[in-house]
Amino acid sequence: MDFEELYNRFFKDVYLFILAMSKNPDVAEEITQETFFKALKELKNFLNSKSHPFEKMDTLANGMILQIMRMMY
């Protein structure tokens, strides 16, 4: 799986998950973008992981949500 396939396969699910958590479409877009950017930076380790790619995206998204929410409040 390359980054394009990862993005195409999981973008909608990641975005909707983040939107449900943040309740703000602008924040959800930003966090989704940052989540995929982080996945791209860590692509080799990301794809070699034994975890399912969605589990990894979920972990990245949760971390990004917490980080941004801390900055906002």
PDB file of N, CA and C in Angstrom:
ATOM      1  N   MET A   1       0.852  -1.178   0.000  1.00  0.00           N
ATOM      2  CA  MET A   1       0.000   0.000   0.000  1.00  0.00           C
ATOM      3  C   MET A   1       0.896   1.240   0.000  1.00  0.00           C
ATOM      4  N   ASP A   2       0.621   2.161  -0.897  1.00  0.00           N
ATOM      5  CA  ASP A   2       1.366   3.413  -0.913  1.00  0.00           C
ATOM      6  C   ASP A   2       0.500   4.505  -0.273  1.00  0.00           C
ATOM      7  N   PHE A   3       1.049   5.720  -0.168  1.00  0.00           N
ATOM      8  CA  PHE A   3       0.337   6.793   0.520  1.00  0.00           C
ATOM      9  C   PHE A   3      -0.974   7.142  -0.173  1.00  0.00           C
ATOM     10  N   GLU A   4      -0.976   7.184  -1.493  1.00  0.00           N
ATOM     11  CA  GLU A   4      -2.198   7.532  -2.219  1.00  0.00           C
ATOM     12  C   GLU A   4      -3.318   6.544  -1.915  1.00  0.00           C
ATOM     13  N   GLU A   5      -2.985   5.271  -1.892  1.00  0.00           N
ATOM     14  CA  GLU A   5      -3.987   4.252  -1.582  1.00  0.00           C
ATOM     15  C   GLU A   5      -4.464   4.389  -0.133  1.00  0.00           C
ATOM     16  N   LEU A   6      -3.528   4.630   0.772  1.00  0.00           N
ATOM     17  CA  LEU A   6      -3.866   4.837   2.178  1.00  0.00           C
ATOM     18  C   LEU A   6      -4.835   6.013   2.323  1.00  0.00           C
ATOM     19  N   TYR A   7      -4.509   7.117   1.663  1.00  0.00           N
ATOM     20  CA  TYR A   7      -5.341   8.316   1.722  1.00  0.00           C
ATOM     21  C   TYR A   7      -6.736   8.042   1.154  1.00  0.00           C
ATOM     22  N   ASN A   8      -6.773   7.470  -0.035  1.00  0.00           N
ATOM     23  CA  ASN A   8      -8.062   7.201  -0.691  1.00  0.00           C
ATOM     24  C   ASN A   8      -8.920   6.225   0.106  1.00  0.00           C
ATOM     25  N   ARG A   9      -8.278   5.285   0.736  1.00  0.00           N
ATOM     26  CA  ARG A   9      -9.007   4.249   1.458  1.00  0.00           C
ATOM     27  C   ARG A   9      -9.547   4.738   2.810  1.00  0.00           C
ATOM     28  N   PHE A  10      -8.798   5.616   3.486  1.00  0.00           N
ATOM     29  CA  PHE A  10      -9.150   5.956   4.854  1.00  0.00           C
ATOM     30  C   PHE A  10      -9.540   7.406   5.101  1.00  0.00           C
ATOM     31  N   PHE A  11      -9.439   8.272   4.091  1.00  0.00           N
ATOM     32  CA  PHE A  11      -9.722   9.688   4.321  1.00  0.00           C
ATOM     33  C   PHE A  11     -11.113   9.918   4.921  1.00  0.00           C
ATOM     34  N   LYS A  12     -12.130   9.377   4.274  1.00  0.00           N
ATOM     35  CA  LYS A  12     -13.503   9.627   4.715  1.00  0.00           C
ATOM     36  C   LYS A  12     -13.720   9.145   6.150  1.00  0.00           C
ATOM     37  N   ASP A  13     -13.265   7.942   6.457  1.00  0.00           N
ATOM     38  CA  ASP A  13     -13.452   7.403   7.808  1.00  0.00           C
ATOM     39  C   ASP A  13     -12.703   8.234   8.856  1.00  0.00           C
ATOM     40  N   VAL A  14     -11.486   8.618   8.536  1.00  0.00           N
ATOM     41  CA  VAL A  14     -10.700   9.418   9.479  1.00  0.00           C
ATOM     42  C   VAL A  14     -11.359  10.778   9.679  1.00  0.00           C
ATOM     43  N   TYR A  15     -11.755  11.416   8.586  1.00  0.00           N
ATOM     44  CA  TYR A  15     -12.405  12.725   8.686  1.00  0.00           C
ATOM     45  C   TYR A  15     -13.684  12.646   9.519  1.00  0.00           C
ATOM     46  N   LEU A  16     -14.528  11.655   9.252  1.00  0.00           N
ATOM     47  CA  LEU A  16     -15.791  11.537   9.987  1.00  0.00           C
ATOM     48  C   LEU A  16     -15.556  11.233  11.463  1.00  0.00           C
ATOM     49  N   PHE A  17     -14.561  10.432  11.760  1.00  0.00           N
ATOM     50  CA  PHE A  17     -14.208  10.150  13.155  1.00  0.00           C
ATOM     51  C   PHE A  17     -13.794  11.434  13.863  1.00  0.00           C
ATOM     52  N   ILE A  18     -12.927  12.203  13.225  1.00  0.00           N
ATOM     53  CA  ILE A  18     -12.442  13.452  13.822  1.00  0.00           C
ATOM     54  C   ILE A  18     -13.578  14.468  13.926  1.00  0.00           C
ATOM     55  N   LEU A  19     -14.432  14.532  12.929  1.00  0.00           N
ATOM     56  CA  LEU A  19     -15.580  15.437  12.973  1.00  0.00           C
ATOM     57  C   LEU A  19     -16.495  15.086  14.143  1.00  0.00           C
ATOM     58  N   ALA A  20     -16.730  13.808  14.360  1.00  0.00           N
ATOM     59  CA  ALA A  20     -17.571  13.385  15.479  1.00  0.00           C
ATOM     60  C   ALA A  20     -16.957  13.802  16.818  1.00  0.00           C
ATOM     61  N   MET A  21     -15.630  13.752  16.890  1.00  0.00           N
ATOM     62  CA  MET A  21     -14.951  14.133  18.133  1.00  0.00           C
ATOM     63  C   MET A  21     -14.902  15.642  18.315  1.00  0.00           C
ATOM     64  N   SER A  22     -14.638  16.372  17.242  1.00  0.00           N
ATOM     65  CA  SER A  22     -14.421  17.818  17.360  1.00  0.00           C
ATOM     66  C   SER A  22     -15.703  18.637  17.221  1.00  0.00           C
ATOM     67  N   LYS A  23     -16.709  18.084  16.525  1.00  0.00           N
ATOM     68  CA  LYS A  23     -17.967  18.784  16.266  1.00  0.00           C
ATOM     69  C   LYS A  23     -17.770  20.080  15.477  1.00  0.00           C
ATOM     70  N   ASN A  24     -16.653  20.173  14.758  1.00  0.00           N
ATOM     71  CA  ASN A  24     -16.340  21.392  14.015  1.00  0.00           C
ATOM     72  C   ASN A  24     -15.697  20.994  12.682  1.00  0.00           C
ATOM     73  N   PRO A  25     -16.366  21.253  11.548  1.00  0.00           N
ATOM     74  CA  PRO A  25     -15.819  20.843  10.250  1.00  0.00           C
ATOM     75  C   PRO A  25     -14.451  21.452   9.933  1.00  0.00           C
ATOM     76  N   ASP A  26     -14.226  22.706  10.317  1.00  0.00           N
ATOM     77  CA  ASP A  26     -12.926  23.328  10.051  1.00  0.00           C
ATOM     78  C   ASP A  26     -11.815  22.658  10.839  1.00  0.00           C
ATOM     79  N   VAL A  27     -12.095  22.394  12.099  1.00  0.00           N
ATOM     80  CA  VAL A  27     -11.112  21.703  12.942  1.00  0.00           C
ATOM     81  C   VAL A  27     -10.896  20.285  12.421  1.00  0.00           C
ATOM     82  N   ALA A  28     -11.968  19.617  12.021  1.00  0.00           N
ATOM     83  CA  ALA A  28     -11.856  18.249  11.504  1.00  0.00           C
ATOM     84  C   ALA A  28     -10.997  18.200  10.248  1.00  0.00           C
ATOM     85  N   GLU A  29     -11.167  19.180   9.370  1.00  0.00           N
ATOM     86  CA  GLU A  29     -10.340  19.222   8.158  1.00  0.00           C
ATOM     87  C   GLU A  29      -8.866  19.416   8.508  1.00  0.00           C
ATOM     88  N   GLU A  30      -8.599  20.327   9.420  1.00  0.00           N
ATOM     89  CA  GLU A  30      -7.214  20.597   9.800  1.00  0.00           C
ATOM     90  C   GLU A  30      -6.567  19.384  10.462  1.00  0.00           C
ATOM     91  N   ILE A  31      -7.274  18.767  11.387  1.00  0.00           N
ATOM     92  CA  ILE A  31      -6.711  17.605  12.078  1.00  0.00           C
ATOM     93  C   ILE A  31      -6.540  16.439  11.112  1.00  0.00           C
ATOM     94  N   THR A  32      -7.492  16.259  10.201  1.00  0.00           N
ATOM     95  CA  THR A  32      -7.365  15.182   9.201  1.00  0.00           C
ATOM     96  C   THR A  32      -6.129  15.411   8.343  1.00  0.00           C
ATOM     97  N   GLN A  33      -5.932  16.645   7.906  1.00  0.00           N
ATOM     98  CA  GLN A  33      -4.752  16.970   7.105  1.00  0.00           C
ATOM     99  C   GLN A  33      -3.470  16.688   7.890  1.00  0.00           C
ATOM    100  N   GLU A  34      -3.426  17.104   9.131  1.00  0.00           N
ATOM    101  CA  GLU A  34      -2.237  16.867   9.957  1.00  0.00           C
ATOM    102  C   GLU A  34      -2.018  15.381  10.212  1.00  0.00           C
ATOM    103  N   THR A  35      -3.105  14.651  10.375  1.00  0.00           N
ATOM    104  CA  THR A  35      -3.001  13.206  10.603  1.00  0.00           C
ATOM    105  C   THR A  35      -2.372  12.511   9.400  1.00  0.00           C
ATOM    106  N   PHE A  36      -2.841  12.861   8.206  1.00  0.00           N
ATOM    107  CA  PHE A  36      -2.287  12.241   7.004  1.00  0.00           C
ATOM    108  C   PHE A  36      -0.861  12.729   6.725  1.00  0.00           C
ATOM    109  N   PHE A  37      -0.564  13.970   7.068  1.00  0.00           N
ATOM    110  CA  PHE A  37       0.798  14.465   6.914  1.00  0.00           C
ATOM    111  C   PHE A  37       1.746  13.684   7.810  1.00  0.00           C
ATOM    112  N   LYS A  38       1.323  13.431   9.037  1.00  0.00           N
ATOM    113  CA  LYS A  38       2.146  12.643   9.961  1.00  0.00           C
ATOM    114  C   LYS A  38       2.301  11.209   9.443  1.00  0.00           C
ATOM    115  N   ALA A  39       1.234  10.646   8.907  1.00  0.00           N
ATOM    116  CA  ALA A  39       1.310   9.297   8.337  1.00  0.00           C
ATOM    117  C   ALA A  39       2.298   9.267   7.170  1.00  0.00           C
ATOM    118  N   LEU A  40       2.289  10.319   6.348  1.00  0.00           N
ATOM    119  CA  LEU A  40       3.218  10.397   5.223  1.00  0.00           C
ATOM    120  C   LEU A  40       4.663  10.460   5.712  1.00  0.00           C
ATOM    121  N   LYS A  41       4.909  11.258   6.743  1.00  0.00           N
ATOM    122  CA  LYS A  41       6.267  11.379   7.282  1.00  0.00           C
ATOM    123  C   LYS A  41       6.760  10.058   7.860  1.00  0.00           C
ATOM    124  N   GLU A  42       5.848   9.250   8.381  1.00  0.00           N
ATOM    125  CA  GLU A  42       6.197   7.984   9.015  1.00  0.00           C
ATOM    126  C   GLU A  42       5.785   6.794   8.150  1.00  0.00           C
ATOM    127  N   LEU A  43       5.681   7.013   6.848  1.00  0.00           N
ATOM    128  CA  LEU A  43       5.091   6.011   5.959  1.00  0.00           C
ATOM    129  C   LEU A  43       5.781   4.653   6.029  1.00  0.00           C
ATOM    130  N   LYS A  44       7.089   4.634   6.016  1.00  0.00           N
ATOM    131  CA  LYS A  44       7.804   3.357   6.029  1.00  0.00           C
ATOM    132  C   LYS A  44       7.472   2.568   7.301  1.00  0.00           C
ATOM    133  N   ASN A  45       7.591   3.211   8.449  1.00  0.00           N
ATOM    134  CA  ASN A  45       7.259   2.534   9.707  1.00  0.00           C
ATOM    135  C   ASN A  45       5.772   2.209   9.781  1.00  0.00           C
ATOM    136  N   PHE A  46       4.975   3.113   9.271  1.00  0.00           N
ATOM    137  CA  PHE A  46       3.532   2.961   9.283  1.00  0.00           C
ATOM    138  C   PHE A  46       3.114   1.711   8.520  1.00  0.00           C
ATOM    139  N   LEU A  47       3.646   1.545   7.326  1.00  0.00           N
ATOM    140  CA  LEU A  47       3.252   0.415   6.483  1.00  0.00           C
ATOM    141  C   LEU A  47       3.872  -0.900   6.916  1.00  0.00           C
ATOM    142  N   ASN A  48       4.985  -0.842   7.637  1.00  0.00           N
ATOM    143  CA  ASN A  48       5.630  -2.063   8.114  1.00  0.00           C
ATOM    144  C   ASN A  48       5.080  -2.537   9.451  1.00  0.00           C
ATOM    145  N   SER A  49       4.171  -1.783  10.013  1.00  0.00           N
ATOM    146  CA  SER A  49       3.586  -2.126  11.305  1.00  0.00           C
ATOM    147  C   SER A  49       2.700  -3.362  11.175  1.00  0.00           C
ATOM    148  N   LYS A  50       2.608  -4.101  12.272  1.00  0.00           N
ATOM    149  CA  LYS A  50       1.726  -5.266  12.284  1.00  0.00           C
ATOM    150  C   LYS A  50       0.274  -4.872  12.516  1.00  0.00           C
ATOM    151  N   SER A  51       0.050  -3.638  12.940  1.00  0.00           N
ATOM    152  CA  SER A  51      -1.316  -3.148  13.160  1.00  0.00           C
ATOM    153  C   SER A  51      -1.996  -2.881  11.828  1.00  0.00           C
ATOM    154  N   HIS A  52      -3.300  -2.992  11.837  1.00  0.00           N
ATOM    155  CA  HIS A  52      -4.087  -2.646  10.655  1.00  0.00           C
ATOM    156  C   HIS A  52      -3.926  -1.153  10.392  1.00  0.00           C
ATOM    157  N   PRO A  53      -3.826  -0.737   9.134  1.00  0.00           N
ATOM    158  CA  PRO A  53      -3.633   0.691   8.831  1.00  0.00           C
ATOM    159  C   PRO A  53      -4.682   1.608   9.460  1.00  0.00           C
ATOM    160  N   PHE A  54      -5.945   1.160   9.549  1.00  0.00           N
ATOM    161  CA  PHE A  54      -6.947   2.034  10.159  1.00  0.00           C
ATOM    162  C   PHE A  54      -6.675   2.220  11.647  1.00  0.00           C
ATOM    163  N   GLU A  55      -6.179   1.175  12.311  1.00  0.00           N
ATOM    164  CA  GLU A  55      -5.829   1.311  13.732  1.00  0.00           C
ATOM    165  C   GLU A  55      -4.732   2.352  13.905  1.00  0.00           C
ATOM    166  N   LYS A  56      -3.758   2.336  13.019  1.00  0.00           N
ATOM    167  CA  LYS A  56      -2.682   3.331  13.079  1.00  0.00           C
ATOM    168  C   LYS A  56      -3.230   4.728  12.819  1.00  0.00           C
ATOM    169  N   MET A  57      -4.119   4.872  11.842  1.00  0.00           N
ATOM    170  CA  MET A  57      -4.707   6.179  11.548  1.00  0.00           C
ATOM    171  C   MET A  57      -5.542   6.659  12.727  1.00  0.00           C
ATOM    172  N   ASP A  58      -6.257   5.759  13.351  1.00  0.00           N
ATOM    173  CA  ASP A  58      -7.064   6.094  14.524  1.00  0.00           C
ATOM    174  C   ASP A  58      -6.174   6.602  15.661  1.00  0.00           C
ATOM    175  N   THR A  59      -5.053   5.930  15.878  1.00  0.00           N
ATOM    176  CA  THR A  59      -4.115   6.344  16.917  1.00  0.00           C
ATOM    177  C   THR A  59      -3.547   7.726  16.608  1.00  0.00           C
ATOM    178  N   LEU A  60      -3.146   7.948  15.364  1.00  0.00           N
ATOM    179  CA  LEU A  60      -2.626   9.257  14.970  1.00  0.00           C
ATOM    180  C   LEU A  60      -3.701  10.333  15.134  1.00  0.00           C
ATOM    181  N   ALA A  61      -4.909  10.034  14.702  1.00  0.00           N
ATOM    182  CA  ALA A  61      -5.995  11.008  14.791  1.00  0.00           C
ATOM    183  C   ALA A  61      -6.298  11.360  16.246  1.00  0.00           C
ATOM    184  N   ASN A  62      -6.360  10.356  17.106  1.00  0.00           N
ATOM    185  CA  ASN A  62      -6.616  10.614  18.525  1.00  0.00           C
ATOM    186  C   ASN A  62      -5.549  11.521  19.115  1.00  0.00           C
ATOM    187  N   GLY A  63      -4.297  11.251  18.796  1.00  0.00           N
ATOM    188  CA  GLY A  63      -3.201  12.080  19.285  1.00  0.00           C
ATOM    189  C   GLY A  63      -3.319  13.516  18.799  1.00  0.00           C
ATOM    190  N   MET A  64      -3.669  13.676  17.531  1.00  0.00           N
ATOM    191  CA  MET A  64      -3.801  15.017  16.966  1.00  0.00           C
ATOM    192  C   MET A  64      -4.995  15.752  17.592  1.00  0.00           C
ATOM    193  N   ILE A  65      -6.092  15.048  17.814  1.00  0.00           N
ATOM    194  CA  ILE A  65      -7.268  15.663  18.437  1.00  0.00           C
ATOM    195  C   ILE A  65      -6.904  16.175  19.821  1.00  0.00           C
ATOM    196  N   LEU A  66      -6.269  15.335  20.606  1.00  0.00           N
ATOM    197  CA  LEU A  66      -5.894  15.750  21.964  1.00  0.00           C
ATOM    198  C   LEU A  66      -4.946  16.935  21.942  1.00  0.00           C
ATOM    199  N   GLN A  67      -3.984  16.901  21.055  1.00  0.00           N
ATOM    200  CA  GLN A  67      -3.011  17.989  20.958  1.00  0.00           C
ATOM    201  C   GLN A  67      -3.700  19.309  20.592  1.00  0.00           C
ATOM    202  N   ILE A  68      -4.580  19.290  19.626  1.00  0.00           N
ATOM    203  CA  ILE A  68      -5.234  20.527  19.183  1.00  0.00           C
ATOM    204  C   ILE A  68      -6.244  21.002  20.214  1.00  0.00           C
ATOM    205  N   MET A  69      -6.969  20.089  20.835  1.00  0.00           N
ATOM    206  CA  MET A  69      -7.932  20.487  21.853  1.00  0.00           C
ATOM    207  C   MET A  69      -7.230  21.129  23.054  1.00  0.00           C
ATOM    208  N   ARG A  70      -6.055  20.621  23.405  1.00  0.00           N
ATOM    209  CA  ARG A  70      -5.296  21.234  24.513  1.00  0.00           C
ATOM    210  C   ARG A  70      -4.911  22.672  24.167  1.00  0.00           C
ATOM    211  N   MET A  71      -4.529  22.896  22.919  1.00  0.00           N
ATOM    212  CA  MET A  71      -4.141  24.249  22.502  1.00  0.00           C
ATOM    213  C   MET A  71      -5.335  25.188  22.477  1.00  0.00           C
ATOM    214  N   MET A  72      -6.525  24.650  22.152  1.00  0.00           N
ATOM    215  CA  MET A  72      -7.708  25.489  22.032  1.00  0.00           C
ATOM    216  C   MET A  72      -8.295  25.868  23.390  1.00  0.00           C
ATOM    217  N   TYR A  73      -8.120  25.004  24.368  1.00  0.00           N
ATOM    218  CA  TYR A  73      -8.770  25.264  25.650  1.00  0.00           C
ATOM    219  C   TYR A  73      -7.756  25.439  26.715  1.00  0.00           C
TER     220      TYR A  73
END
